[in-house]
Amino acid sequence: EEIINVGMITRQGMLNDFLQRSVISCVLDYAAQEGVQYEYYNEETDDCLESQAGSPIDRAYLEASDIAIIIELIQKLNKHDNVRLFLKVHPREDRGVWEGFFSKHNLIVELAEWRTPYMHWVSHLDYVIGSASTTFYDSYVAGVQPICTSKIDKLRLAHLHDGAEEFNALMEFVPQPESVDEVVSTIVSNSKAFVMGEGIKEVLNKE
């Protein structure tokens, strides 16, 4: 039976901070801010980029929702002997939390060594699963099919800010199933093998 290699990506830098800073500290810092917050601001030219982080309330919801979906997917995909699971934890996360959880619940998931470049990690995979991410661009460049989980939680949209990755140009071409079972079915049937369509090429070329 053909082995299907499935990678998953995380982005829980607030709820699983690698420096183990508390979530409430983020909320307190945000609440104490006054005025518009910037990622970049040049006072001489007035060039600026407003913060893309979003409020900690929205970030907490999005991260918690994504965790619940990832865990449900891992639990269900672990039941299929021909599916091998790999996880790449975001650099701003505490990798040990994931290791401890998988060990405690006897889930078979291979975690990437934290210094492994994304393009090296993704190169042997058939699918990459996660909420909308710029890594989907890299996945397509590597010839690997991404699957976006952002539409599974119907309340998620209300917590997205205008600059969220869900609204980038590539997402038109990324499969976005509306349930965990739909994702599992796609993986197990291996029905979404990678095809580099013209629309994807155009978006990548513009980038």
N, C-alpha and C. Protein backbone atom coordinates (compact mmCIF):
# COMPACT_ATOMS: atom_id res chain seq x y z
N GLU A 1 0.84 -1.19 0.00
CA GLU A 1 0.00 0.00 0.00
C GLU A 1 0.88 1.25 0.00
N GLU A 2 0.53 2.21 -0.84
CA GLU A 2 1.33 3.43 -0.97
C GLU A 2 1.30 4.25 0.32
N ILE A 3 2.49 4.70 0.74
CA ILE A 3 2.58 5.55 1.92
C ILE A 3 2.32 7.01 1.53
N ILE A 4 1.47 7.67 2.30
CA ILE A 4 1.13 9.07 2.05
C ILE A 4 1.76 9.90 3.16
N ASN A 5 2.67 10.79 2.80
CA ASN A 5 3.38 11.61 3.77
C ASN A 5 2.68 12.96 3.93
N VAL A 6 2.22 13.23 5.15
CA VAL A 6 1.42 14.42 5.42
C VAL A 6 2.12 15.30 6.45
N GLY A 7 2.38 16.53 6.06
CA GLY A 7 2.98 17.49 6.99
C GLY A 7 1.94 18.44 7.54
N MET A 8 2.12 18.86 8.77
CA MET A 8 1.24 19.85 9.38
C MET A 8 2.10 20.99 9.94
N ILE A 9 1.57 22.20 9.86
CA ILE A 9 2.29 23.36 10.36
C ILE A 9 1.50 24.00 11.48
N THR A 10 2.21 24.57 12.46
CA THR A 10 1.55 25.25 13.57
C THR A 10 1.94 26.72 13.58
N ARG A 11 1.11 27.51 14.26
CA ARG A 11 1.39 28.94 14.42
C ARG A 11 0.71 29.42 15.70
N GLN A 12 1.18 28.86 16.81
CA GLN A 12 0.58 29.16 18.11
C GLN A 12 1.56 29.92 19.00
N GLY A 13 2.15 30.97 18.45
CA GLY A 13 3.17 31.72 19.17
C GLY A 13 2.68 32.46 20.41
N MET A 14 1.39 32.70 20.50
CA MET A 14 0.84 33.40 21.67
C MET A 14 0.47 32.39 22.77
N LEU A 15 -0.26 31.34 22.41
CA LEU A 15 -0.69 30.36 23.41
C LEU A 15 0.42 29.41 23.82
N ASN A 16 1.44 29.26 22.96
CA ASN A 16 2.53 28.32 23.24
C ASN A 16 3.87 29.02 23.04
N ASP A 17 4.04 30.13 23.73
CA ASP A 17 5.22 30.98 23.58
C ASP A 17 6.50 30.25 23.98
N PHE A 18 7.53 30.33 23.12
CA PHE A 18 8.76 29.58 23.39
C PHE A 18 9.52 30.11 24.61
N LEU A 19 9.24 31.35 25.00
CA LEU A 19 9.82 31.91 26.23
C LEU A 19 8.89 31.73 27.42
N GLN A 20 7.77 31.05 27.18
CA GLN A 20 6.78 30.72 28.21
C GLN A 20 6.20 31.97 28.89
N ARG A 21 6.06 33.04 28.07
CA ARG A 21 5.39 34.23 28.57
C ARG A 21 3.88 33.95 28.66
N SER A 22 3.22 34.49 29.65
CA SER A 22 1.80 34.20 29.85
C SER A 22 0.95 34.92 28.81
N VAL A 23 -0.19 34.31 28.51
CA VAL A 23 -1.12 34.92 27.55
C VAL A 23 -1.65 36.25 28.09
N ILE A 24 -1.88 36.30 29.40
CA ILE A 24 -2.45 37.54 29.96
C ILE A 24 -1.49 38.72 29.79
N SER A 25 -0.19 38.45 29.75
CA SER A 25 0.75 39.55 29.56
C SER A 25 0.56 40.20 28.19
N CYS A 26 0.23 39.39 27.18
CA CYS A 26 -0.05 39.91 25.84
C CYS A 26 -1.31 40.77 25.84
N VAL A 27 -2.33 40.28 26.54
CA VAL A 27 -3.59 41.01 26.61
C VAL A 27 -3.40 42.34 27.34
N LEU A 28 -2.65 42.31 28.43
CA LEU A 28 -2.41 43.52 29.21
C LEU A 28 -1.61 44.54 28.41
N ASP A 29 -0.57 44.09 27.71
CA ASP A 29 0.25 45.00 26.91
C ASP A 29 -0.59 45.65 25.82
N TYR A 30 -1.44 44.85 25.18
CA TYR A 30 -2.29 45.37 24.11
C TYR A 30 -3.28 46.40 24.66
N ALA A 31 -3.88 46.08 25.79
CA ALA A 31 -4.88 46.97 26.38
C ALA A 31 -4.27 48.31 26.80
N ALA A 32 -2.98 48.29 27.12
CA ALA A 32 -2.31 49.51 27.58
C ALA A 32 -1.83 50.40 26.43
N GLN A 33 -1.89 49.88 25.21
CA GLN A 33 -1.41 50.64 24.06
C GLN A 33 -2.38 51.78 23.73
N GLU A 34 -1.82 52.84 23.19
CA GLU A 34 -2.64 53.97 22.75
C GLU A 34 -2.33 54.28 21.29
N GLY A 35 -3.37 54.50 20.50
CA GLY A 35 -3.17 54.84 19.10
C GLY A 35 -2.84 53.65 18.22
N VAL A 36 -2.51 53.92 16.96
CA VAL A 36 -2.21 52.88 15.97
C VAL A 36 -0.82 52.29 16.25
N GLN A 37 -0.72 51.00 16.17
CA GLN A 37 0.56 50.32 16.35
C GLN A 37 1.14 49.96 14.99
N TYR A 38 2.45 50.15 14.84
CA TYR A 38 3.09 49.94 13.55
C TYR A 38 4.16 48.84 13.61
N GLU A 39 4.24 48.09 12.51
CA GLU A 39 5.37 47.18 12.33
C GLU A 39 6.59 48.00 11.90
N TYR A 40 6.32 49.06 11.14
CA TYR A 40 7.40 49.88 10.59
C TYR A 40 6.87 51.30 10.42
N TYR A 41 7.69 52.28 10.82
CA TYR A 41 7.28 53.67 10.62
C TYR A 41 8.51 54.55 10.44
N ASN A 42 8.56 55.26 9.32
CA ASN A 42 9.66 56.17 9.01
C ASN A 42 9.14 57.60 9.15
N GLU A 43 9.57 58.28 10.19
CA GLU A 43 9.05 59.62 10.46
C GLU A 43 9.46 60.63 9.39
N GLU A 44 10.60 60.39 8.73
CA GLU A 44 11.07 61.34 7.71
C GLU A 44 10.25 61.26 6.43
N THR A 45 9.91 60.04 6.04
CA THR A 45 9.17 59.85 4.77
C THR A 45 7.68 59.61 4.99
N ASP A 46 7.29 59.33 6.24
CA ASP A 46 5.92 59.00 6.60
C ASP A 46 5.48 57.66 6.03
N ASP A 47 6.44 56.84 5.58
CA ASP A 47 6.12 55.49 5.14
C ASP A 47 5.85 54.63 6.38
N CYS A 48 4.81 53.80 6.30
CA CYS A 48 4.49 52.99 7.48
C CYS A 48 3.77 51.71 7.08
N LEU A 49 3.80 50.76 8.00
CA LEU A 49 3.04 49.51 7.88
C LEU A 49 2.38 49.26 9.21
N GLU A 50 1.06 49.29 9.22
CA GLU A 50 0.34 49.05 10.48
C GLU A 50 0.55 47.61 10.93
N SER A 51 0.48 47.40 12.22
CA SER A 51 0.68 46.08 12.80
C SER A 51 -0.30 45.07 12.21
N GLN A 52 0.22 43.90 11.86
CA GLN A 52 -0.61 42.84 11.27
C GLN A 52 -1.01 41.80 12.32
N ALA A 53 -0.62 42.01 13.56
CA ALA A 53 -0.81 40.97 14.59
C ALA A 53 -2.27 40.75 14.94
N GLY A 54 -3.09 41.80 14.89
CA GLY A 54 -4.47 41.66 15.34
C GLY A 54 -4.54 41.70 16.86
N SER A 55 -5.73 41.80 17.39
CA SER A 55 -5.88 41.88 18.85
C SER A 55 -5.57 40.52 19.49
N PRO A 56 -5.09 40.51 20.74
CA PRO A 56 -4.82 39.23 21.40
C PRO A 56 -6.08 38.40 21.59
N ILE A 57 -7.23 39.05 21.64
CA ILE A 57 -8.50 38.30 21.76
C ILE A 57 -8.72 37.47 20.51
N ASP A 58 -8.54 38.10 19.35
CA ASP A 58 -8.71 37.36 18.09
C ASP A 58 -7.61 36.32 17.92
N ARG A 59 -6.38 36.69 18.27
CA ARG A 59 -5.25 35.76 18.12
C ARG A 59 -5.46 34.52 18.98
N ALA A 60 -5.93 34.72 20.20
CA ALA A 60 -6.15 33.58 21.11
C ALA A 60 -7.21 32.65 20.53
N TYR A 61 -8.29 33.24 20.00
CA TYR A 61 -9.35 32.40 19.41
C TYR A 61 -8.81 31.61 18.22
N LEU A 62 -8.12 32.30 17.31
CA LEU A 62 -7.61 31.65 16.10
C LEU A 62 -6.64 30.53 16.44
N GLU A 63 -5.73 30.79 17.36
CA GLU A 63 -4.74 29.77 17.72
C GLU A 63 -5.40 28.57 18.40
N ALA A 64 -6.34 28.82 19.30
CA ALA A 64 -7.02 27.72 19.98
C ALA A 64 -7.84 26.89 18.99
N SER A 65 -8.51 27.57 18.08
CA SER A 65 -9.30 26.88 17.07
C SER A 65 -8.41 26.00 16.19
N ASP A 66 -7.28 26.56 15.77
CA ASP A 66 -6.37 25.81 14.90
C ASP A 66 -5.78 24.59 15.63
N ILE A 67 -5.48 24.75 16.92
CA ILE A 67 -4.97 23.62 17.70
C ILE A 67 -5.99 22.49 17.74
N ALA A 68 -7.24 22.83 18.01
CA ALA A 68 -8.29 21.80 18.10
C ALA A 68 -8.42 21.04 16.79
N ILE A 69 -8.33 21.76 15.67
CA ILE A 69 -8.46 21.12 14.36
C ILE A 69 -7.25 20.23 14.07
N ILE A 70 -6.06 20.72 14.37
CA ILE A 70 -4.84 19.93 14.15
C ILE A 70 -4.89 18.63 14.94
N ILE A 71 -5.28 18.71 16.21
CA ILE A 71 -5.32 17.51 17.05
C ILE A 71 -6.36 16.51 16.53
N GLU A 72 -7.53 17.00 16.15
CA GLU A 72 -8.55 16.09 15.61
C GLU A 72 -8.05 15.42 14.33
N LEU A 73 -7.37 16.16 13.49
CA LEU A 73 -6.83 15.58 12.26
C LEU A 73 -5.78 14.51 12.58
N ILE A 74 -4.89 14.81 13.50
CA ILE A 74 -3.85 13.85 13.87
C ILE A 74 -4.47 12.58 14.44
N GLN A 75 -5.45 12.74 15.31
CA GLN A 75 -6.10 11.57 15.91
C GLN A 75 -6.74 10.68 14.84
N LYS A 76 -7.38 11.29 13.88
CA LYS A 76 -8.08 10.51 12.85
C LYS A 76 -7.12 9.93 11.82
N LEU A 77 -6.11 10.69 11.43
CA LEU A 77 -5.15 10.20 10.43
C LEU A 77 -4.23 9.14 11.02
N ASN A 78 -4.01 9.15 12.32
CA ASN A 78 -3.18 8.14 12.98
C ASN A 78 -3.78 6.74 12.88
N LYS A 79 -5.07 6.68 12.58
CA LYS A 79 -5.74 5.38 12.47
C LYS A 79 -5.50 4.72 11.13
N HIS A 80 -4.87 5.43 10.20
CA HIS A 80 -4.62 4.88 8.86
C HIS A 80 -3.14 4.50 8.74
N ASP A 81 -2.89 3.21 8.54
CA ASP A 81 -1.52 2.69 8.54
C ASP A 81 -0.67 3.23 7.40
N ASN A 82 -1.31 3.67 6.32
CA ASN A 82 -0.54 4.15 5.16
C ASN A 82 -0.27 5.65 5.20
N VAL A 83 -0.65 6.30 6.30
CA VAL A 83 -0.42 7.75 6.44
C VAL A 83 0.67 7.99 7.49
N ARG A 84 1.70 8.70 7.08
CA ARG A 84 2.76 9.10 8.00
C ARG A 84 2.64 10.60 8.25
N LEU A 85 2.67 10.97 9.53
CA LEU A 85 2.45 12.37 9.90
C LEU A 85 3.74 13.04 10.36
N PHE A 86 3.90 14.28 9.91
CA PHE A 86 5.07 15.09 10.26
C PHE A 86 4.58 16.46 10.72
N LEU A 87 5.24 17.03 11.70
CA LEU A 87 4.82 18.33 12.22
C LEU A 87 6.02 19.28 12.26
N LYS A 88 5.79 20.49 11.73
CA LYS A 88 6.81 21.54 11.84
C LYS A 88 6.25 22.63 12.74
N VAL A 89 6.84 22.73 13.92
CA VAL A 89 6.38 23.69 14.92
C VAL A 89 6.96 25.06 14.60
N HIS A 90 6.13 26.09 14.74
CA HIS A 90 6.59 27.45 14.47
C HIS A 90 7.78 27.80 15.36
N PRO A 91 8.76 28.53 14.83
CA PRO A 91 9.95 28.86 15.62
C PRO A 91 9.67 29.60 16.91
N ARG A 92 8.55 30.31 17.00
CA ARG A 92 8.24 31.05 18.23
C ARG A 92 7.47 30.22 19.25
N GLU A 93 7.34 28.92 18.99
CA GLU A 93 6.61 28.04 19.91
C GLU A 93 7.54 27.18 20.74
N ASP A 94 6.98 26.65 21.84
CA ASP A 94 7.67 25.69 22.69
C ASP A 94 7.43 24.30 22.13
N ARG A 95 8.44 23.77 21.46
CA ARG A 95 8.31 22.46 20.80
C ARG A 95 8.02 21.34 21.80
N GLY A 96 8.54 21.49 23.02
CA GLY A 96 8.37 20.45 24.03
C GLY A 96 6.92 20.19 24.41
N VAL A 97 6.08 21.20 24.31
CA VAL A 97 4.67 21.03 24.63
C VAL A 97 4.04 20.02 23.68
N TRP A 98 4.37 20.13 22.39
CA TRP A 98 3.84 19.20 21.40
C TRP A 98 4.41 17.80 21.62
N GLU A 99 5.70 17.70 21.88
CA GLU A 99 6.33 16.40 22.13
C GLU A 99 5.66 15.70 23.31
N GLY A 100 5.44 16.45 24.39
CA GLY A 100 4.83 15.86 25.57
C GLY A 100 3.40 15.38 25.31
N PHE A 101 2.65 16.17 24.53
CA PHE A 101 1.27 15.79 24.24
C PHE A 101 1.21 14.52 23.40
N PHE A 102 2.04 14.43 22.38
CA PHE A 102 2.03 13.24 21.52
C PHE A 102 2.44 11.99 22.30
N SER A 103 3.42 12.14 23.16
CA SER A 103 3.87 11.02 23.98
C SER A 103 2.77 10.56 24.94
N LYS A 104 2.13 11.51 25.59
CA LYS A 104 1.08 11.21 26.56
C LYS A 104 -0.09 10.48 25.93
N HIS A 105 -0.43 10.85 24.69
CA HIS A 105 -1.62 10.28 24.05
C HIS A 105 -1.28 9.24 22.98
N ASN A 106 -0.03 8.78 22.96
CA ASN A 106 0.41 7.73 22.03
C ASN A 106 0.07 8.05 20.57
N LEU A 107 0.34 9.29 20.17
CA LEU A 107 0.12 9.70 18.79
C LEU A 107 1.46 9.67 18.06
N ILE A 108 1.45 9.08 16.89
CA ILE A 108 2.70 8.91 16.13
C ILE A 108 2.84 10.06 15.15
N VAL A 109 3.70 11.00 15.52
CA VAL A 109 3.96 12.18 14.70
C VAL A 109 5.46 12.48 14.78
N GLU A 110 6.07 12.68 13.64
CA GLU A 110 7.50 13.00 13.62
C GLU A 110 7.68 14.52 13.59
N LEU A 111 8.30 15.06 14.62
CA LEU A 111 8.52 16.50 14.70
C LEU A 111 9.82 16.87 14.00
N ALA A 112 9.76 17.94 13.21
CA ALA A 112 10.96 18.42 12.53
C ALA A 112 11.92 19.02 13.55
N GLU A 113 13.21 18.79 13.35
CA GLU A 113 14.22 19.44 14.17
C GLU A 113 14.08 20.94 13.94
N TRP A 114 14.17 21.74 14.99
CA TRP A 114 13.76 23.14 14.90
C TRP A 114 14.56 23.96 13.92
N ARG A 115 15.79 23.56 13.60
CA ARG A 115 16.61 24.33 12.66
C ARG A 115 16.41 23.90 11.21
N THR A 116 15.58 22.89 10.97
CA THR A 116 15.37 22.39 9.61
C THR A 116 14.68 23.44 8.75
N PRO A 117 15.29 23.85 7.62
CA PRO A 117 14.64 24.83 6.73
C PRO A 117 13.33 24.26 6.19
N TYR A 118 12.35 25.13 6.03
CA TYR A 118 11.04 24.67 5.56
C TYR A 118 11.13 23.93 4.23
N MET A 119 11.87 24.46 3.27
CA MET A 119 11.94 23.84 1.95
C MET A 119 12.57 22.45 2.00
N HIS A 120 13.48 22.25 2.93
CA HIS A 120 14.06 20.91 3.10
C HIS A 120 13.03 19.96 3.71
N TRP A 121 12.29 20.46 4.70
CA TRP A 121 11.30 19.63 5.38
C TRP A 121 10.17 19.22 4.46
N VAL A 122 9.69 20.15 3.64
CA VAL A 122 8.51 19.90 2.82
C VAL A 122 8.80 19.02 1.60
N SER A 123 10.06 18.91 1.23
CA SER A 123 10.41 18.28 -0.06
C SER A 123 9.99 16.82 -0.19
N HIS A 124 9.84 16.10 0.93
CA HIS A 124 9.48 14.68 0.84
C HIS A 124 8.00 14.43 1.12
N LEU A 125 7.23 15.50 1.27
CA LEU A 125 5.82 15.35 1.63
C LEU A 125 4.91 15.30 0.41
N ASP A 126 3.71 14.75 0.62
CA ASP A 126 2.67 14.75 -0.42
C ASP A 126 1.66 15.88 -0.18
N TYR A 127 1.44 16.21 1.09
CA TYR A 127 0.50 17.26 1.47
C TYR A 127 1.07 18.07 2.64
N VAL A 128 0.65 19.33 2.71
CA VAL A 128 0.92 20.17 3.88
C VAL A 128 -0.42 20.74 4.34
N ILE A 129 -0.74 20.56 5.62
CA ILE A 129 -2.02 20.99 6.15
C ILE A 129 -1.82 22.07 7.21
N GLY A 130 -2.66 23.09 7.15
CA GLY A 130 -2.61 24.13 8.18
C GLY A 130 -3.56 25.24 7.83
N SER A 131 -3.69 26.21 8.74
CA SER A 131 -4.45 27.40 8.39
C SER A 131 -3.64 28.21 7.39
N ALA A 132 -4.27 29.19 6.77
CA ALA A 132 -3.63 29.95 5.70
C ALA A 132 -2.25 30.46 6.13
N SER A 133 -1.28 30.31 5.23
CA SER A 133 0.10 30.62 5.59
C SER A 133 0.92 30.96 4.36
N THR A 134 1.94 31.80 4.54
CA THR A 134 2.85 32.08 3.43
C THR A 134 3.64 30.84 3.05
N THR A 135 3.71 29.85 3.93
CA THR A 135 4.42 28.61 3.60
C THR A 135 3.73 27.86 2.46
N PHE A 136 2.47 28.18 2.19
CA PHE A 136 1.79 27.53 1.06
C PHE A 136 2.46 27.92 -0.27
N TYR A 137 2.99 29.15 -0.33
CA TYR A 137 3.75 29.56 -1.52
C TYR A 137 4.95 28.63 -1.70
N ASP A 138 5.68 28.42 -0.62
CA ASP A 138 6.85 27.54 -0.67
C ASP A 138 6.45 26.11 -1.02
N SER A 139 5.31 25.67 -0.49
CA SER A 139 4.83 24.31 -0.77
C SER A 139 4.59 24.11 -2.26
N TYR A 140 3.91 25.08 -2.88
CA TYR A 140 3.67 24.98 -4.32
C TYR A 140 4.96 25.01 -5.11
N VAL A 141 5.90 25.86 -4.71
CA VAL A 141 7.21 25.91 -5.39
C VAL A 141 7.89 24.54 -5.31
N ALA A 142 7.71 23.86 -4.16
CA ALA A 142 8.33 22.54 -3.96
C ALA A 142 7.53 21.41 -4.62
N GLY A 143 6.37 21.75 -5.20
CA GLY A 143 5.56 20.72 -5.85
C GLY A 143 4.75 19.89 -4.88
N VAL A 144 4.38 20.49 -3.74
CA VAL A 144 3.62 19.79 -2.70
C VAL A 144 2.26 20.47 -2.54
N GLN A 145 1.20 19.66 -2.44
CA GLN A 145 -0.16 20.19 -2.36
C GLN A 145 -0.50 20.66 -0.95
N PRO A 146 -0.76 21.97 -0.76
CA PRO A 146 -1.25 22.43 0.55
C PRO A 146 -2.75 22.24 0.67
N ILE A 147 -3.22 22.07 1.88
CA ILE A 147 -4.65 22.03 2.19
C ILE A 147 -4.89 22.98 3.35
N CYS A 148 -5.79 23.92 3.17
CA CYS A 148 -6.05 24.94 4.19
C CYS A 148 -7.24 24.55 5.06
N THR A 149 -7.06 24.68 6.38
CA THR A 149 -8.12 24.30 7.33
C THR A 149 -8.96 25.49 7.79
N SER A 150 -8.73 26.66 7.22
CA SER A 150 -9.33 27.89 7.76
C SER A 150 -10.87 27.94 7.69
N LYS A 151 -11.47 27.16 6.80
CA LYS A 151 -12.93 27.21 6.67
C LYS A 151 -13.65 26.15 7.50
N ILE A 152 -12.90 25.36 8.26
CA ILE A 152 -13.53 24.30 9.05
C ILE A 152 -14.31 24.89 10.23
N ASP A 153 -13.71 25.86 10.91
CA ASP A 153 -14.40 26.54 12.01
C ASP A 153 -15.16 27.73 11.43
N LYS A 154 -16.47 27.64 11.47
CA LYS A 154 -17.30 28.67 10.84
C LYS A 154 -17.26 30.02 11.58
N LEU A 155 -16.76 30.05 12.80
CA LEU A 155 -16.66 31.30 13.56
C LEU A 155 -15.32 32.00 13.34
N ARG A 156 -14.43 31.36 12.63
CA ARG A 156 -13.06 31.86 12.48
C ARG A 156 -13.00 33.19 11.73
N LEU A 157 -13.82 33.34 10.70
CA LEU A 157 -13.77 34.51 9.84
C LEU A 157 -13.95 35.81 10.64
N ALA A 158 -14.78 35.77 11.66
CA ALA A 158 -15.06 36.97 12.44
C ALA A 158 -13.83 37.46 13.21
N HIS A 159 -12.82 36.62 13.35
CA HIS A 159 -11.62 36.97 14.12
C HIS A 159 -10.42 37.33 13.24
N LEU A 160 -10.63 37.41 11.92
CA LEU A 160 -9.53 37.73 11.01
C LEU A 160 -9.45 39.23 10.75
N HIS A 161 -8.23 39.78 10.71
CA HIS A 161 -8.06 41.18 10.35
C HIS A 161 -7.82 41.27 8.85
N ASP A 162 -7.89 42.47 8.30
CA ASP A 162 -7.85 42.65 6.84
C ASP A 162 -6.59 42.12 6.19
N GLY A 163 -5.48 42.12 6.92
CA GLY A 163 -4.22 41.67 6.34
C GLY A 163 -3.92 40.21 6.55
N ALA A 164 -4.91 39.43 6.99
CA ALA A 164 -4.70 38.01 7.29
C ALA A 164 -4.31 37.22 6.04
N GLU A 165 -3.56 36.16 6.25
CA GLU A 165 -3.11 35.32 5.13
C GLU A 165 -4.28 34.70 4.36
N GLU A 166 -5.42 34.56 5.02
CA GLU A 166 -6.60 33.99 4.35
C GLU A 166 -7.00 34.79 3.12
N PHE A 167 -6.56 36.05 3.06
CA PHE A 167 -6.98 36.93 1.96
C PHE A 167 -5.88 37.15 0.93
N ASN A 168 -4.80 36.37 1.00
CA ASN A 168 -3.74 36.58 -0.01
C ASN A 168 -4.14 35.96 -1.35
N ALA A 169 -3.42 36.35 -2.39
CA ALA A 169 -3.80 35.99 -3.77
C ALA A 169 -3.76 34.48 -4.03
N LEU A 170 -2.89 33.77 -3.34
CA LEU A 170 -2.73 32.34 -3.61
C LEU A 170 -3.91 31.50 -3.12
N MET A 171 -4.63 32.01 -2.11
CA MET A 171 -5.66 31.18 -1.47
C MET A 171 -6.78 30.77 -2.41
N GLU A 172 -6.96 31.50 -3.51
CA GLU A 172 -7.95 31.10 -4.51
C GLU A 172 -7.67 29.72 -5.08
N PHE A 173 -6.39 29.30 -5.02
CA PHE A 173 -5.98 28.05 -5.65
C PHE A 173 -5.64 26.95 -4.65
N VAL A 174 -5.87 27.22 -3.36
CA VAL A 174 -5.58 26.23 -2.31
C VAL A 174 -6.89 25.58 -1.87
N PRO A 175 -6.98 24.24 -1.89
CA PRO A 175 -8.19 23.56 -1.42
C PRO A 175 -8.50 23.95 0.02
N GLN A 176 -9.78 24.24 0.30
CA GLN A 176 -10.19 24.66 1.64
C GLN A 176 -11.42 23.86 2.07
N PRO A 177 -11.21 22.62 2.49
CA PRO A 177 -12.33 21.78 2.93
C PRO A 177 -13.08 22.42 4.09
N GLU A 178 -14.34 22.02 4.29
CA GLU A 178 -15.16 22.63 5.33
C GLU A 178 -15.39 21.72 6.52
N SER A 179 -14.68 20.59 6.56
CA SER A 179 -14.77 19.71 7.74
C SER A 179 -13.48 18.90 7.86
N VAL A 180 -13.22 18.44 9.07
CA VAL A 180 -12.05 17.59 9.31
C VAL A 180 -12.18 16.29 8.52
N ASP A 181 -13.37 15.72 8.49
CA ASP A 181 -13.57 14.46 7.78
C ASP A 181 -13.30 14.61 6.28
N GLU A 182 -13.60 15.78 5.73
CA GLU A 182 -13.33 16.03 4.32
C GLU A 182 -11.82 16.04 4.06
N VAL A 183 -11.07 16.62 4.99
CA VAL A 183 -9.60 16.62 4.87
C VAL A 183 -9.08 15.19 4.92
N VAL A 184 -9.56 14.43 5.90
CA VAL A 184 -9.12 13.04 6.07
C VAL A 184 -9.43 12.23 4.81
N SER A 185 -10.64 12.40 4.27
CA SER A 185 -11.04 11.68 3.06
C SER A 185 -10.12 12.01 1.89
N THR A 186 -9.78 13.29 1.74
CA THR A 186 -8.89 13.72 0.66
C THR A 186 -7.53 13.06 0.79
N ILE A 187 -7.00 13.04 2.02
CA ILE A 187 -5.68 12.45 2.26
C ILE A 187 -5.70 10.94 1.99
N VAL A 188 -6.65 10.27 2.59
CA VAL A 188 -6.70 8.80 2.49
C VAL A 188 -6.92 8.34 1.06
N SER A 189 -7.75 9.07 0.31
CA SER A 189 -8.00 8.71 -1.08
C SER A 189 -6.88 9.20 -2.00
N ASN A 190 -6.02 10.08 -1.44
CA ASN A 190 -4.90 10.66 -2.21
C ASN A 190 -5.40 11.28 -3.51
N SER A 191 -6.51 12.04 -3.39
CA SER A 191 -7.20 12.53 -4.58
C SER A 191 -6.83 13.95 -4.99
N LYS A 192 -5.96 14.60 -4.21
CA LYS A 192 -5.61 15.98 -4.53
C LYS A 192 -4.12 16.11 -4.83
N ALA A 193 -3.61 15.18 -5.63
CA ALA A 193 -2.20 15.22 -5.98
C ALA A 193 -1.87 16.55 -6.64
N PHE A 194 -0.65 17.00 -6.47
CA PHE A 194 -0.26 18.33 -6.90
C PHE A 194 -0.32 18.53 -8.41
N VAL A 195 -0.93 19.63 -8.81
CA VAL A 195 -0.93 20.06 -10.21
C VAL A 195 -0.62 21.55 -10.22
N MET A 196 0.41 21.94 -10.96
CA MET A 196 0.80 23.36 -11.03
C MET A 196 -0.03 24.03 -12.12
N GLY A 197 -1.17 24.58 -11.74
CA GLY A 197 -2.04 25.25 -12.70
C GLY A 197 -1.49 26.61 -13.10
N GLU A 198 -2.05 27.18 -14.15
CA GLU A 198 -1.57 28.47 -14.65
C GLU A 198 -1.83 29.60 -13.64
N GLY A 199 -2.95 29.50 -12.92
CA GLY A 199 -3.25 30.53 -11.93
C GLY A 199 -2.20 30.57 -10.83
N ILE A 200 -1.77 29.40 -10.37
CA ILE A 200 -0.73 29.31 -9.35
C ILE A 200 0.58 29.88 -9.88
N LYS A 201 0.91 29.52 -11.11
CA LYS A 201 2.16 30.02 -11.71
C LYS A 201 2.15 31.55 -11.78
N GLU A 202 1.00 32.11 -12.14
CA GLU A 202 0.91 33.56 -12.27
C GLU A 202 1.13 34.26 -10.93
N VAL A 203 0.50 33.71 -9.86
CA VAL A 203 0.66 34.30 -8.53
C VAL A 203 2.10 34.19 -8.07
N LEU A 204 2.71 33.03 -8.26
CA LEU A 204 4.10 32.83 -7.85
C LEU A 204 5.05 33.74 -8.61
N ASN A 205 4.81 33.89 -9.89
CA ASN A 205 5.68 34.76 -10.72
C ASN A 205 5.60 36.21 -10.26
N LYS A 206 4.38 36.64 -9.88
CA LYS A 206 4.22 38.02 -9.40
C LYS A 206 4.93 38.25 -8.09
N GLU A 207 4.98 37.19 -7.26
CA GLU A 207 5.69 37.30 -5.99
C GLU A 207 7.20 37.42 -6.21
